[in-house]
Amino acid sequence: MSDTISAKAAAKEAIDHLPDDATWDDVMYRIYVRQKIDSGLNDVLEGKTVSTSEVRNRFGLRG
């Protein structure tokens, strides 16, 4: 997202909010989750989504 902070700044912010005893796995997980959220938000802005009813239809689900 061009109007948000850079990936480097976001990574620094995420790391700064971890406890001092965080592991490498904690660091990697936090960055991974942030990247997935940003990717999803970009998809929404670009109209790359489908409705719940369409997903249900595609998978043959009812309800």
N, C-alpha and C. Protein backbone atom coordinates (compact mmCIF):
# COMPACT_ATOMS: atom_id res chain seq x y z
N MET A 1 0.85 -1.18 0.00
CA MET A 1 0.00 0.00 0.00
C MET A 1 0.89 1.23 0.00
N SER A 2 0.77 2.02 -1.00
CA SER A 2 1.68 3.14 -1.17
C SER A 2 1.47 4.25 -0.15
N ASP A 3 0.28 4.36 0.42
CA ASP A 3 0.02 5.44 1.37
C ASP A 3 0.25 5.03 2.82
N THR A 4 0.83 3.87 3.03
CA THR A 4 1.14 3.43 4.39
C THR A 4 2.64 3.47 4.60
N ILE A 5 3.05 3.09 5.80
CA ILE A 5 4.48 3.11 6.10
C ILE A 5 5.19 2.02 5.31
N SER A 6 6.49 2.19 5.13
CA SER A 6 7.27 1.22 4.36
C SER A 6 7.34 -0.12 5.08
N ALA A 7 7.67 -1.15 4.33
CA ALA A 7 7.79 -2.49 4.90
C ALA A 7 8.87 -2.50 5.99
N LYS A 8 9.95 -1.80 5.77
CA LYS A 8 11.03 -1.74 6.74
C LYS A 8 10.55 -1.10 8.04
N ALA A 9 9.82 0.00 7.92
CA ALA A 9 9.31 0.69 9.11
C ALA A 9 8.28 -0.18 9.83
N ALA A 10 7.43 -0.88 9.05
CA ALA A 10 6.43 -1.75 9.66
C ALA A 10 7.10 -2.90 10.40
N ALA A 11 8.15 -3.46 9.82
CA ALA A 11 8.88 -4.56 10.47
C ALA A 11 9.52 -4.07 11.77
N LYS A 12 10.12 -2.90 11.74
CA LYS A 12 10.72 -2.34 12.96
C LYS A 12 9.66 -2.13 14.03
N GLU A 13 8.52 -1.61 13.64
CA GLU A 13 7.44 -1.37 14.59
C GLU A 13 6.95 -2.69 15.20
N ALA A 14 6.79 -3.69 14.36
CA ALA A 14 6.33 -5.00 14.84
C ALA A 14 7.32 -5.59 15.84
N ILE A 15 8.59 -5.49 15.52
CA ILE A 15 9.63 -6.03 16.40
C ILE A 15 9.68 -5.25 17.71
N ASP A 16 9.54 -3.95 17.63
CA ASP A 16 9.56 -3.12 18.85
C ASP A 16 8.44 -3.48 19.81
N HIS A 17 7.34 -4.02 19.31
CA HIS A 17 6.21 -4.37 20.17
C HIS A 17 6.29 -5.79 20.73
N LEU A 18 7.31 -6.53 20.35
CA LEU A 18 7.51 -7.87 20.90
C LEU A 18 8.18 -7.78 22.27
N PRO A 19 7.95 -8.75 23.13
CA PRO A 19 8.63 -8.75 24.42
C PRO A 19 10.13 -8.99 24.23
N ASP A 20 10.92 -8.61 25.21
CA ASP A 20 12.37 -8.76 25.12
C ASP A 20 12.82 -10.21 24.97
N ASP A 21 12.01 -11.14 25.43
CA ASP A 21 12.39 -12.55 25.34
C ASP A 21 11.81 -13.24 24.10
N ALA A 22 11.40 -12.46 23.10
CA ALA A 22 10.83 -13.03 21.88
C ALA A 22 11.87 -13.87 21.15
N THR A 23 11.39 -14.91 20.51
CA THR A 23 12.28 -15.79 19.74
C THR A 23 12.28 -15.36 18.28
N TRP A 24 13.19 -15.96 17.49
CA TRP A 24 13.19 -15.71 16.06
C TRP A 24 11.87 -16.12 15.44
N ASP A 25 11.29 -17.22 15.95
CA ASP A 25 9.99 -17.66 15.44
C ASP A 25 8.92 -16.60 15.69
N ASP A 26 8.96 -15.96 16.86
CA ASP A 26 8.01 -14.89 17.16
C ASP A 26 8.17 -13.73 16.18
N VAL A 27 9.40 -13.37 15.89
CA VAL A 27 9.69 -12.28 14.96
C VAL A 27 9.15 -12.62 13.57
N MET A 28 9.48 -13.81 13.09
CA MET A 28 9.07 -14.22 11.76
C MET A 28 7.55 -14.31 11.65
N TYR A 29 6.91 -14.84 12.69
CA TYR A 29 5.45 -14.95 12.67
C TYR A 29 4.80 -13.57 12.61
N ARG A 30 5.29 -12.65 13.42
CA ARG A 30 4.71 -11.31 13.44
C ARG A 30 4.83 -10.63 12.08
N ILE A 31 5.99 -10.77 11.44
CA ILE A 31 6.19 -10.16 10.13
C ILE A 31 5.33 -10.86 9.08
N TYR A 32 5.24 -12.18 9.15
CA TYR A 32 4.42 -12.95 8.21
C TYR A 32 2.96 -12.52 8.30
N VAL A 33 2.44 -12.42 9.50
CA VAL A 33 1.04 -12.03 9.68
C VAL A 33 0.81 -10.62 9.14
N ARG A 34 1.70 -9.72 9.42
CA ARG A 34 1.56 -8.35 8.92
C ARG A 34 1.53 -8.31 7.40
N GLN A 35 2.41 -9.10 6.77
CA GLN A 35 2.47 -9.14 5.32
C GLN A 35 1.17 -9.70 4.74
N LYS A 36 0.62 -10.73 5.36
CA LYS A 36 -0.63 -11.32 4.88
C LYS A 36 -1.80 -10.35 5.03
N ILE A 37 -1.82 -9.62 6.13
CA ILE A 37 -2.89 -8.62 6.33
C ILE A 37 -2.79 -7.53 5.28
N ASP A 38 -1.58 -7.02 5.06
CA ASP A 38 -1.39 -5.97 4.04
C ASP A 38 -1.78 -6.48 2.65
N SER A 39 -1.43 -7.72 2.35
CA SER A 39 -1.77 -8.30 1.07
C SER A 39 -3.30 -8.39 0.90
N GLY A 40 -3.98 -8.81 1.95
CA GLY A 40 -5.43 -8.89 1.91
C GLY A 40 -6.09 -7.53 1.75
N LEU A 41 -5.56 -6.54 2.44
CA LEU A 41 -6.10 -5.19 2.31
C LEU A 41 -5.90 -4.66 0.89
N ASN A 42 -4.75 -4.96 0.30
CA ASN A 42 -4.52 -4.55 -1.09
C ASN A 42 -5.51 -5.23 -2.03
N ASP A 43 -5.79 -6.51 -1.78
CA ASP A 43 -6.77 -7.21 -2.60
C ASP A 43 -8.14 -6.54 -2.52
N VAL A 44 -8.53 -6.12 -1.34
CA VAL A 44 -9.81 -5.44 -1.18
C VAL A 44 -9.83 -4.14 -1.98
N LEU A 45 -8.77 -3.36 -1.86
CA LEU A 45 -8.69 -2.08 -2.58
C LEU A 45 -8.72 -2.28 -4.09
N GLU A 46 -8.15 -3.39 -4.57
CA GLU A 46 -8.10 -3.67 -6.01
C GLU A 46 -9.30 -4.46 -6.50
N GLY A 47 -10.26 -4.71 -5.61
CA GLY A 47 -11.47 -5.42 -6.01
C GLY A 47 -11.26 -6.90 -6.27
N LYS A 48 -10.22 -7.47 -5.71
CA LYS A 48 -9.91 -8.89 -5.92
C LYS A 48 -10.53 -9.75 -4.82
N THR A 49 -11.82 -9.59 -4.63
CA THR A 49 -12.52 -10.37 -3.60
C THR A 49 -13.79 -10.95 -4.19
N VAL A 50 -14.33 -11.94 -3.50
CA VAL A 50 -15.62 -12.50 -3.87
C VAL A 50 -16.49 -12.52 -2.62
N SER A 51 -17.79 -12.50 -2.84
CA SER A 51 -18.71 -12.49 -1.71
C SER A 51 -18.77 -13.86 -1.05
N THR A 52 -19.26 -13.86 0.18
CA THR A 52 -19.43 -15.11 0.90
C THR A 52 -20.37 -16.05 0.15
N SER A 53 -21.43 -15.50 -0.41
CA SER A 53 -22.38 -16.34 -1.16
C SER A 53 -21.71 -16.97 -2.38
N GLU A 54 -20.82 -16.25 -3.04
CA GLU A 54 -20.10 -16.82 -4.18
C GLU A 54 -19.17 -17.95 -3.74
N VAL A 55 -18.49 -17.78 -2.64
CA VAL A 55 -17.61 -18.85 -2.11
C VAL A 55 -18.45 -20.07 -1.78
N ARG A 56 -19.57 -19.87 -1.11
CA ARG A 56 -20.46 -20.99 -0.77
C ARG A 56 -20.93 -21.70 -2.05
N ASN A 57 -21.28 -20.93 -3.06
CA ASN A 57 -21.72 -21.49 -4.31
C ASN A 57 -20.61 -22.31 -4.98
N ARG A 58 -19.41 -21.77 -5.00
CA ARG A 58 -18.28 -22.46 -5.64
C ARG A 58 -17.97 -23.79 -4.96
N PHE A 59 -18.14 -23.84 -3.66
CA PHE A 59 -17.82 -25.06 -2.91
C PHE A 59 -19.05 -25.92 -2.62
N GLY A 60 -20.18 -25.54 -3.17
CA GLY A 60 -21.39 -26.32 -2.98
C GLY A 60 -21.91 -26.34 -1.56
N LEU A 61 -21.71 -25.25 -0.85
CA LEU A 61 -22.17 -25.16 0.54
C LEU A 61 -23.51 -24.45 0.59
N ARG A 62 -24.28 -24.80 1.57
CA ARG A 62 -25.59 -24.15 1.78
C ARG A 62 -25.60 -23.43 3.10
N GLY A 63 -26.46 -22.47 3.21
CA GLY A 63 -26.65 -21.83 4.50
C GLY A 63 -26.42 -20.42 4.55
